[in-house]
Protein backbone atom coordinates (compact mmCIF):
# COMPACT_ATOMS: atom_id res chain seq x y z
CA MET A 1 5.75 29.71 24.98
CA PHE A 2 7.16 26.43 23.38
CA LYS A 3 7.00 26.18 19.35
CA PRO A 4 6.82 22.90 18.21
CA TYR A 5 9.94 22.12 15.69
CA TYR A 6 9.03 20.75 12.08
CA ILE A 7 11.17 19.45 9.66
CA VAL A 8 8.80 19.67 7.08
CA PRO A 9 6.08 22.08 7.06
CA THR A 10 2.67 20.69 7.90
CA SER A 11 1.36 21.88 5.06
CA MET A 12 3.30 19.73 2.73
CA ILE A 13 2.35 16.89 5.21
CA ASP A 14 -1.05 17.29 5.54
CA PRO A 15 -1.84 15.83 1.98
CA ILE A 16 0.09 12.55 2.75
CA TYR A 17 -1.59 12.15 5.79
CA LEU A 18 -4.69 12.43 4.16
CA LEU A 19 -3.74 9.96 1.56
CA GLU A 20 -2.63 7.41 4.97
CA GLN A 21 -5.63 8.01 6.06
CA ALA A 22 -7.80 6.99 2.36
CA ALA A 23 -5.31 3.79 2.52
CA CYS A 24 -6.10 2.71 5.89
CA ILE A 25 -9.93 3.01 4.86
CA LEU A 26 -9.47 0.89 2.06
CA LEU A 27 -7.47 -1.26 3.64
CA ILE A 28 -10.66 -1.60 6.05
CA ILE A 29 -12.95 -2.21 3.01
CA LEU A 30 -10.16 -4.95 1.54
CA ILE A 31 -10.80 -6.79 5.00
CA GLY A 32 -14.65 -6.53 5.26
CA LEU A 33 -14.58 -7.72 1.38
CA LEU A 34 -12.17 -10.90 2.27
CA ALA A 35 -14.54 -11.78 4.89
CA LEU A 36 -18.17 -11.11 3.18
CA LEU A 37 -17.75 -12.29 -0.27
CA ASP A 38 -17.20 -15.62 -1.80
CA LEU A 39 -13.97 -16.05 -3.79
CA ASN A 40 -15.87 -16.33 -7.03
CA LYS A 41 -14.82 -14.60 -10.07
CA LYS A 42 -16.96 -11.56 -9.27
CA GLY A 43 -15.54 -11.37 -5.53
CA LYS A 44 -12.21 -11.63 -6.80
CA THR A 45 -12.96 -8.99 -9.22
CA ILE A 46 -13.86 -6.70 -6.28
CA ILE A 47 -11.18 -7.75 -4.40
CA THR A 48 -8.75 -7.04 -6.88
CA ALA A 49 -9.86 -3.65 -8.10
CA VAL A 50 -9.74 -2.78 -4.30
CA SER A 51 -6.10 -3.94 -4.03
CA VAL A 52 -5.29 -1.85 -7.00
CA ALA A 53 -6.74 1.19 -5.61
CA ILE A 54 -4.81 0.19 -2.08
CA ILE A 55 -1.47 -0.07 -4.00
CA VAL A 56 -1.78 2.80 -6.17
CA VAL A 57 -2.60 5.49 -3.35
CA HIS A 58 0.39 3.56 -0.90
CA TYR A 59 3.31 3.91 -3.98
CA ILE A 60 2.00 7.87 -4.09
CA ILE A 61 2.74 8.03 -0.65
CA LEU A 62 6.24 6.62 -0.80
CA TYR A 63 7.10 9.04 -3.64
CA LYS A 64 5.98 11.52 -1.81
CA VAL A 65 7.98 10.63 1.24
CA THR A 66 11.06 10.52 -0.93
CA LEU A 67 10.52 14.25 -1.21
CA PHE A 68 12.19 14.53 2.43
CA GLU A 69 13.68 11.37 2.96
CA LYS A 70 15.16 8.43 1.24
CA ILE A 71 13.23 5.45 0.66
CA THR A 72 14.66 1.94 0.37
CA ILE A 73 12.27 -0.72 -1.33
CA LEU A 74 13.36 -4.09 -0.18
CA PRO A 75 11.60 -7.65 -0.45
CA LEU A 76 7.81 -7.19 1.67
CA ILE A 77 9.61 -4.18 3.51
CA PHE A 78 10.77 -0.56 2.67
CA LEU A 79 13.35 1.65 4.94
CA GLU A 80 12.44 5.08 5.55
CA GLN A 81 16.15 7.19 6.25
CA SER A 82 16.95 10.36 7.18
CA SER A 83 19.12 12.45 9.25
CA HIS A 84 17.51 11.63 12.55
CA GLY A 85 17.57 8.17 11.81
CA GLU A 86 15.73 4.63 10.09
CA ALA A 87 12.93 2.90 10.23
CA PHE A 88 11.46 -0.08 8.04
CA ALA A 89 7.78 -0.82 7.52
CA ILE A 90 5.55 -3.03 5.84
CA ASP A 91 5.55 -2.69 2.09
CA TYR A 92 2.08 -3.09 1.52
CA GLY A 93 1.83 -2.59 -2.17
CA GLN A 94 4.35 -5.73 -2.72
CA LEU A 95 2.38 -7.81 0.04
CA LEU A 96 -0.94 -7.28 -1.95
CA ILE A 97 0.65 -7.87 -4.93
CA LEU A 98 1.36 -11.25 -3.92
CA THR A 99 -2.16 -11.91 -2.35
CA ASN A 100 -3.84 -11.03 -5.94
CA ILE A 101 -1.25 -13.36 -7.12
CA VAL A 102 -2.66 -16.21 -4.72
CA LEU A 103 -5.83 -15.08 -4.97
CA TRP A 104 -5.94 -15.69 -9.09
CA ARG A 105 -3.23 -18.58 -8.75
CA LYS A 106 -5.65 -21.14 -10.37
CA GLU A 107 -6.41 -18.51 -13.19
CA ILE A 108 -2.99 -18.01 -13.96
CA ILE A 109 -1.52 -21.44 -13.91
CA THR A 110 -4.29 -22.06 -16.60
CA ARG A 111 -3.23 -19.27 -18.53
CA LEU A 112 0.64 -20.62 -17.95
CA HIS A 113 -0.31 -23.84 -19.64
CA LYS A 114 -2.92 -22.86 -22.70
CA GLY A 115 -0.03 -19.64 -23.34
């Protein structure tokens, strides 16, 4: 009988998968909010709150993955390196930070000119 070979026990990986599922659900909610909400102050605040939740979950996932692989964060991407190779992926945390800066750009510029 074939027994799969796991480098990391599934008991350690399953919580990471649950966090990834939560991040995906939050991302779908964010996309829906962007499509449905007006970009007034209340809408921007809701979008920013969901974005912050995604950013936190995303970086918790990356932290947990660093227990098994080397993670290098680069501009807008991150690189995962293990003994089996390497892969890169979009860094949604940085992307959402930039999205929120663009979303609030008028308020940021106004605040900088006043300050």
